[in-house]
């Protein structure tokens, strides 16, 4: 077993793998909105995410890769000294801040909801087409697929995240087994904040 682990740690020169805690989110029914509302929602979501990262003392340049997706984003948190549940806490705080935003927003078209998928994995740090630091690999891909299964205001977590959180009495009552209609074992852990 140790030899297998050692073999998996050998990568071509220049390849950097990092443990990333992925928070993948998007705005529910974003495409049904007018362009002005879409622009305002993206701006509000960006402000909310930045504020939550600052609250958790996550430096956006060193500790996290932010990847915009048009109607959402992926946060790949890279700082290894954060608590094991940091990505869940960040996701909960983002949902809470959006709820506060919606309570204060008078214009219905500027109120919005998001869905979130969480995963963690050793992924590859790459340079994207714009010359920016980015991330690639199975971890971020799975986080996107998990998010696609969530409903508005819902956080779905991968098996890896579930196994890490479930033993904690702080989270065990909030995690619920869910089965996927396609039998995908990686999708199926629901978290209720």
C-alpha atoms as a PDB file:
ATOM      1  CA  UNK A   1       0.000   0.000   0.000  1.00  0.00           C
ATOM      2  CA  UNK A   2       2.839   2.397   0.850  1.00  0.00           C
ATOM      3  CA  UNK A   3       4.406   1.772  -2.578  1.00  0.00           C
ATOM      4  CA  UNK A   4       1.094   2.530  -4.298  1.00  0.00           C
ATOM      5  CA  UNK A   5       0.848   5.800  -2.374  1.00  0.00           C
ATOM      6  CA  UNK A   6       4.455   6.655  -3.230  1.00  0.00           C
ATOM      7  CA  UNK A   7       3.797   5.968  -6.929  1.00  0.00           C
ATOM      8  CA  UNK A   8       0.771   8.290  -6.944  1.00  0.00           C
ATOM      9  CA  UNK A   9       2.883  11.114  -5.507  1.00  0.00           C
ATOM     10  CA  UNK A  10       5.277  11.054  -8.512  1.00  0.00           C
ATOM     11  CA  UNK A  11       4.310  13.747 -10.986  1.00  0.00           C
ATOM     12  CA  UNK A  12       6.068  15.215 -13.990  1.00  0.00           C
ATOM     13  CA  UNK A  13       8.380  18.089 -13.185  1.00  0.00           C
ATOM     14  CA  UNK A  14       6.499  21.353 -12.888  1.00  0.00           C
ATOM     15  CA  UNK A  15       3.163  19.786 -11.890  1.00  0.00           C
ATOM     16  CA  UNK A  16       1.881  21.158  -8.606  1.00  0.00           C
ATOM     17  CA  UNK A  17      -0.884  19.321  -6.776  1.00  0.00           C
ATOM     18  CA  UNK A  18      -2.632  20.900  -3.810  1.00  0.00           C
ATOM     19  CA  UNK A  19      -5.442  19.868  -1.537  1.00  0.00           C
ATOM     20  CA  UNK A  20      -8.360  22.056  -2.545  1.00  0.00           C
ATOM     21  CA  UNK A  21     -11.655  22.445  -0.738  1.00  0.00           C
ATOM     22  CA  UNK A  22     -14.081  23.321  -3.524  1.00  0.00           C
ATOM     23  CA  UNK A  23     -17.171  25.465  -3.043  1.00  0.00           C
ATOM     24  CA  UNK A  24     -18.993  25.464  -6.379  1.00  0.00           C
ATOM     25  CA  UNK A  25     -22.071  27.661  -6.632  1.00  0.00           C
ATOM     26  CA  UNK A  26     -24.397  29.205  -9.149  1.00  0.00           C
ATOM     27  CA  UNK A  27     -27.445  31.433  -9.246  1.00  0.00           C
ATOM     28  CA  UNK A  28     -30.728  29.583  -9.658  1.00  0.00           C
ATOM     29  CA  UNK A  29     -32.687  30.563 -12.818  1.00  0.00           C
ATOM     30  CA  UNK A  30     -30.060  33.164 -13.735  1.00  0.00           C
ATOM     31  CA  UNK A  31     -30.740  32.958 -17.482  1.00  0.00           C
ATOM     32  CA  UNK A  32     -34.412  33.866 -17.000  1.00  0.00           C
ATOM     33  CA  UNK A  33     -33.474  37.369 -15.833  1.00  0.00           C
ATOM     34  CA  UNK A  34     -32.907  40.519 -17.844  1.00  0.00           C
ATOM     35  CA  UNK A  35     -29.325  41.577 -18.518  1.00  0.00           C
ATOM     36  CA  UNK A  36     -29.426  44.496 -16.054  1.00  0.00           C
ATOM     37  CA  UNK A  37     -30.642  42.230 -13.254  1.00  0.00           C
ATOM     38  CA  UNK A  38     -28.026  39.597 -14.147  1.00  0.00           C
ATOM     39  CA  UNK A  39     -25.289  42.230 -13.915  1.00  0.00           C
ATOM     40  CA  UNK A  40     -26.523  43.468 -10.534  1.00  0.00           C
ATOM     41  CA  UNK A  41     -26.812  39.910  -9.190  1.00  0.00           C
ATOM     42  CA  UNK A  42     -23.259  39.013 -10.255  1.00  0.00           C
ATOM     43  CA  UNK A  43     -21.975  42.214  -8.624  1.00  0.00           C
ATOM     44  CA  UNK A  44     -23.890  41.463  -5.401  1.00  0.00           C
ATOM     45  CA  UNK A  45     -22.699  37.847  -5.339  1.00  0.00           C
ATOM     46  CA  UNK A  46     -19.084  38.958  -5.859  1.00  0.00           C
ATOM     47  CA  UNK A  47     -19.356  41.423  -2.944  1.00  0.00           C
ATOM     48  CA  UNK A  48     -20.928  38.789  -0.701  1.00  0.00           C
ATOM     49  CA  UNK A  49     -18.244  36.190  -1.470  1.00  0.00           C
ATOM     50  CA  UNK A  50     -15.420  38.691  -0.937  1.00  0.00           C
ATOM     51  CA  UNK A  51     -16.902  39.735   2.425  1.00  0.00           C
ATOM     52  CA  UNK A  52     -17.293  36.109   3.561  1.00  0.00           C
ATOM     53  CA  UNK A  53     -13.707  35.275   2.561  1.00  0.00           C
ATOM     54  CA  UNK A  54     -12.493  38.319   4.479  1.00  0.00           C
ATOM     55  CA  UNK A  55     -14.543  37.233   7.523  1.00  0.00           C
ATOM     56  CA  UNK A  56     -12.792  33.836   7.392  1.00  0.00           C
ATOM     57  CA  UNK A  57      -9.413  35.564   6.910  1.00  0.00           C
ATOM     58  CA  UNK A  58      -8.816  33.914   3.558  1.00  0.00           C
ATOM     59  CA  UNK A  59      -6.448  35.858   1.344  1.00  0.00           C
ATOM     60  CA  UNK A  60      -7.831  35.774  -2.188  1.00  0.00           C
ATOM     61  CA  UNK A  61      -4.361  35.854  -3.746  1.00  0.00           C
ATOM     62  CA  UNK A  62      -2.631  33.127  -1.740  1.00  0.00           C
ATOM     63  CA  UNK A  63      -5.265  31.018   0.022  1.00  0.00           C
ATOM     64  CA  UNK A  64      -7.958  30.727  -2.620  1.00  0.00           C
ATOM     65  CA  UNK A  65      -8.486  30.546  -6.365  1.00  0.00           C
ATOM     66  CA  UNK A  66     -11.687  32.246  -7.498  1.00  0.00           C
ATOM     67  CA  UNK A  67     -13.043  30.990 -10.801  1.00  0.00           C
ATOM     68  CA  UNK A  68     -15.994  32.897 -12.284  1.00  0.00           C
ATOM     69  CA  UNK A  69     -18.482  30.815 -14.273  1.00  0.00           C
ATOM     70  CA  UNK A  70     -20.791  33.545 -15.575  1.00  0.00           C
ATOM     71  CA  UNK A  71     -23.767  32.742 -13.354  1.00  0.00           C
ATOM     72  CA  UNK A  72     -21.704  31.663 -10.354  1.00  0.00           C
ATOM     73  CA  UNK A  73     -18.213  30.685  -9.337  1.00  0.00           C
ATOM     74  CA  UNK A  74     -15.968  28.097  -7.804  1.00  0.00           C
ATOM     75  CA  UNK A  75     -13.884  28.892  -4.763  1.00  0.00           C
ATOM     76  CA  UNK A  76     -10.933  26.552  -4.459  1.00  0.00           C
ATOM     77  CA  UNK A  77      -9.647  27.078  -0.920  1.00  0.00           C
ATOM     78  CA  UNK A  78      -6.001  26.020  -0.743  1.00  0.00           C
ATOM     79  CA  UNK A  79      -4.841  27.034   2.726  1.00  0.00           C
ATOM     80  CA  UNK A  80      -4.168  23.793   4.571  1.00  0.00           C
ATOM     81  CA  UNK A  81      -4.176  25.329   8.060  1.00  0.00           C
ATOM     82  CA  UNK A  82      -7.903  26.083   7.969  1.00  0.00           C
ATOM     83  CA  UNK A  83     -10.275  23.956  10.053  1.00  0.00           C
ATOM     84  CA  UNK A  84     -11.505  20.758   8.390  1.00  0.00           C
ATOM     85  CA  UNK A  85     -15.005  22.218   8.050  1.00  0.00           C
ATOM     86  CA  UNK A  86     -13.976  25.624   6.658  1.00  0.00           C
ATOM     87  CA  UNK A  87     -15.578  25.127   3.238  1.00  0.00           C
ATOM     88  CA  UNK A  88     -18.903  24.241   4.856  1.00  0.00           C
ATOM     89  CA  UNK A  89     -18.758  27.288   7.129  1.00  0.00           C
ATOM     90  CA  UNK A  90     -17.950  29.518   4.145  1.00  0.00           C
ATOM     91  CA  UNK A  91     -20.882  28.055   2.181  1.00  0.00           C
ATOM     92  CA  UNK A  92     -23.276  28.572   5.127  1.00  0.00           C
ATOM     93  CA  UNK A  93     -22.108  32.177   5.537  1.00  0.00           C
ATOM     94  CA  UNK A  94     -22.591  32.864   1.825  1.00  0.00           C
ATOM     95  CA  UNK A  95     -26.166  31.520   2.017  1.00  0.00           C
ATOM     96  CA  UNK A  96     -26.798  33.656   5.107  1.00  0.00           C
ATOM     97  CA  UNK A  97     -25.453  36.799   3.464  1.00  0.00           C
ATOM     98  CA  UNK A  98     -27.617  36.202   0.380  1.00  0.00           C
ATOM     99  CA  UNK A  99     -30.651  35.817   2.624  1.00  0.00           C
ATOM    100  CA  UNK A 100     -29.835  39.174   4.263  1.00  0.00           C
ATOM    101  CA  UNK A 101     -29.335  40.740   0.826  1.00  0.00           C
ATOM    102  CA  UNK A 102     -32.730  39.464  -0.322  1.00  0.00           C
ATOM    103  CA  UNK A 103     -34.469  40.841   2.782  1.00  0.00           C
ATOM    104  CA  UNK A 104     -33.059  44.322   2.109  1.00  0.00           C
ATOM    105  CA  UNK A 105     -33.458  44.283  -1.695  1.00  0.00           C
ATOM    106  CA  UNK A 106     -36.682  46.028  -2.705  1.00  0.00           C
ATOM    107  CA  UNK A 107     -36.544  44.938  -6.358  1.00  0.00           C
ATOM    108  CA  UNK A 108     -37.757  41.359  -6.844  1.00  0.00           C
ATOM    109  CA  UNK A 109     -35.599  40.890  -9.967  1.00  0.00           C
ATOM    110  CA  UNK A 110     -32.441  41.566  -7.918  1.00  0.00           C
ATOM    111  CA  UNK A 111     -33.238  38.950  -5.277  1.00  0.00           C
ATOM    112  CA  UNK A 112     -31.612  35.617  -5.976  1.00  0.00           C
ATOM    113  CA  UNK A 113     -30.873  32.178  -4.625  1.00  0.00           C
ATOM    114  CA  UNK A 114     -27.877  29.904  -5.144  1.00  0.00           C
ATOM    115  CA  UNK A 115     -27.164  26.205  -5.010  1.00  0.00           C
ATOM    116  CA  UNK A 116     -23.865  24.860  -3.706  1.00  0.00           C
ATOM    117  CA  UNK A 117     -21.756  21.735  -4.182  1.00  0.00           C
ATOM    118  CA  UNK A 118     -18.808  20.947  -1.904  1.00  0.00           C
ATOM    119  CA  UNK A 119     -15.903  18.625  -2.588  1.00  0.00           C
ATOM    120  CA  UNK A 120     -12.253  18.250  -1.637  1.00  0.00           C
ATOM    121  CA  UNK A 121      -9.438  16.653  -3.581  1.00  0.00           C
ATOM    122  CA  UNK A 122      -5.794  16.878  -4.573  1.00  0.00           C
ATOM    123  CA  UNK A 123      -6.039  18.892  -7.801  1.00  0.00           C
ATOM    124  CA  UNK A 124      -3.507  20.424 -10.161  1.00  0.00           C
ATOM    125  CA  UNK A 125      -2.572  24.109 -10.099  1.00  0.00           C
ATOM    126  CA  UNK A 126      -2.366  25.409 -13.676  1.00  0.00           C
ATOM    127  CA  UNK A 127      -2.003  28.697 -15.514  1.00  0.00           C
ATOM    128  CA  UNK A 128      -5.085  29.504 -17.557  1.00  0.00           C
ATOM    129  CA  UNK A 129      -5.394  31.157 -20.977  1.00  0.00           C
ATOM    130  CA  UNK A 130      -5.359  34.613 -19.324  1.00  0.00           C
ATOM    131  CA  UNK A 131      -2.141  33.878 -17.442  1.00  0.00           C
ATOM    132  CA  UNK A 132      -3.923  33.520 -14.090  1.00  0.00           C
ATOM    133  CA  UNK A 133      -3.485  30.805 -11.481  1.00  0.00           C
ATOM    134  CA  UNK A 134      -6.270  28.235 -11.894  1.00  0.00           C
ATOM    135  CA  UNK A 135      -7.064  24.685 -10.848  1.00  0.00           C
ATOM    136  CA  UNK A 136      -7.903  21.532 -12.788  1.00  0.00           C
ATOM    137  CA  UNK A 137      -8.714  17.968 -11.896  1.00  0.00           C
ATOM    138  CA  UNK A 138     -11.322  15.528 -10.713  1.00  0.00           C
ATOM    139  CA  UNK A 139     -12.075  17.487  -7.535  1.00  0.00           C
ATOM    140  CA  UNK A 140     -13.352  20.630  -9.184  1.00  0.00           C
ATOM    141  CA  UNK A 141     -15.206  18.626 -11.834  1.00  0.00           C
ATOM    142  CA  UNK A 142     -17.024  16.596  -9.194  1.00  0.00           C
ATOM    143  CA  UNK A 143     -17.889  19.731  -7.210  1.00  0.00           C
ATOM    144  CA  UNK A 144     -19.606  21.126 -10.332  1.00  0.00           C
ATOM    145  CA  UNK A 145     -21.582  17.915 -10.868  1.00  0.00           C
ATOM    146  CA  UNK A 146     -22.669  17.860  -7.237  1.00  0.00           C
ATOM    147  CA  UNK A 147     -23.779  21.493  -7.412  1.00  0.00           C
ATOM    148  CA  UNK A 148     -25.865  20.702 -10.503  1.00  0.00           C
ATOM    149  CA  UNK A 149     -27.955  18.294  -8.385  1.00  0.00           C
ATOM    150  CA  UNK A 150     -28.705  20.852  -5.652  1.00  0.00           C
ATOM    151  CA  UNK A 151     -31.795  23.013  -5.357  1.00  0.00           C
ATOM    152  CA  UNK A 152     -31.808  26.698  -4.460  1.00  0.00           C
ATOM    153  CA  UNK A 153     -30.587  27.307  -0.908  1.00  0.00           C
ATOM    154  CA  UNK A 154     -29.241  23.752  -0.693  1.00  0.00           C
ATOM    155  CA  UNK A 155     -25.714  22.519  -0.025  1.00  0.00           C
ATOM    156  CA  UNK A 156     -24.810  19.079  -1.368  1.00  0.00           C
ATOM    157  CA  UNK A 157     -21.513  17.525  -0.344  1.00  0.00           C
ATOM    158  CA  UNK A 158     -19.362  14.783  -1.842  1.00  0.00           C
ATOM    159  CA  UNK A 159     -18.663  11.477  -0.166  1.00  0.00           C
ATOM    160  CA  UNK A 160     -15.197  12.765   0.843  1.00  0.00           C
ATOM    161  CA  UNK A 161     -16.665  15.810   2.576  1.00  0.00           C
ATOM    162  CA  UNK A 162     -19.426  13.747   4.168  1.00  0.00           C
ATOM    163  CA  UNK A 163     -16.940  11.252   5.625  1.00  0.00           C
ATOM    164  CA  UNK A 164     -14.914  14.077   7.126  1.00  0.00           C
ATOM    165  CA  UNK A 165     -17.891  15.939   8.629  1.00  0.00           C
ATOM    166  CA  UNK A 166     -20.185  13.087   9.693  1.00  0.00           C
ATOM    167  CA  UNK A 167     -18.265  12.013  12.841  1.00  0.00           C
ATOM    168  CA  UNK A 168     -18.577  15.525  14.288  1.00  0.00           C
ATOM    169  CA  UNK A 169     -21.579  16.014  16.572  1.00  0.00           C
ATOM    170  CA  UNK A 170     -21.767  19.579  15.213  1.00  0.00           C
ATOM    171  CA  UNK A 171     -22.685  18.301  11.768  1.00  0.00           C
ATOM    172  CA  UNK A 172     -23.997  14.748  12.062  1.00  0.00           C
ATOM    173  CA  UNK A 173     -27.599  15.862  12.657  1.00  0.00           C
ATOM    174  CA  UNK A 174     -27.476  18.204   9.653  1.00  0.00           C
ATOM    175  CA  UNK A 175     -26.228  15.651   7.121  1.00  0.00           C
ATOM    176  CA  UNK A 176     -28.741  13.475   5.311  1.00  0.00           C
ATOM    177  CA  UNK A 177     -28.143  10.559   2.958  1.00  0.00           C
ATOM    178  CA  UNK A 178     -29.690  11.077  -0.429  1.00  0.00           C
ATOM    179  CA  UNK A 179     -29.696   8.766  -3.392  1.00  0.00           C
ATOM    180  CA  UNK A 180     -29.091   9.933  -6.912  1.00  0.00           C
ATOM    181  CA  UNK A 181     -31.552   8.944  -9.596  1.00  0.00           C
ATOM    182  CA  UNK A 182     -28.605   7.737 -11.694  1.00  0.00           C
ATOM    183  CA  UNK A 183     -26.922   5.888  -8.853  1.00  0.00           C
ATOM    184  CA  UNK A 184     -23.941   8.235  -8.697  1.00  0.00           C
ATOM    185  CA  UNK A 185     -22.428   7.596  -5.299  1.00  0.00           C
ATOM    186  CA  UNK A 186     -20.499  10.856  -5.390  1.00  0.00           C
ATOM    187  CA  UNK A 187     -23.738  12.829  -5.368  1.00  0.00           C
ATOM    188  CA  UNK A 188     -25.968  12.227  -2.437  1.00  0.00           C
ATOM    189  CA  UNK A 189     -25.125  13.953   0.796  1.00  0.00           C
ATOM    190  CA  UNK A 190     -27.433  16.802   1.690  1.00  0.00           C
ATOM    191  CA  UNK A 191     -26.541  19.377   4.290  1.00  0.00           C
ATOM    192  CA  UNK A 192     -29.281  21.444   5.940  1.00  0.00           C
ATOM    193  CA  UNK A 193     -27.942  24.616   7.577  1.00  0.00           C
END
